[in-house]
Amino acid sequence: QLQLVESGGGLVQPGGSLRLSCLVSGRNGFSLALYTIGWFRQVPGKEREGVSCIGIDADSTYYEDSVKGRFTISRDDSKNTVYLQMNNLKPEDTAVYYCATEFISNAQCVEWMFEHWGQGTQVTVSS
């Protein structure tokens, strides 16, 4: 069983930045290096959408169109942690952000491909 804990959410003004972190832990000897990781977001009344995903090859990344050029996903396998740097935030980025991981080298950035999920962190972009 894996545990995923997101942090870094909060309230920010439009144009501001936040960096989300997701620490993944498991049994002794666990390494995130063999897992694909994704960031998803959800607003009330809408389905959870894939924002960005990264495969075990850190050059294999996906970004949803609306965040391209503004968000950057990265991973530090030595720390079992994945990050989402969010710049130039917009009000429409307001959502609960979840990280998810799956034991696979690469995956489509869609909800059903990921088994392990964090509890989410709220991001609110408002003036």
Foldseek 3Di string as FASTA:
>chain_A
DKAKAKDWADEAAQQAKIKIKIAIDDPPPDWCLQKKKFKWWDDPPDDIFTAKIAFSPRVDMDGDVVQPPFWDWGDDRVRNMIMIIGGRDDQVVWTWMKMFMDRHRDDDRDDVRTDGIYPTDTHGYHD
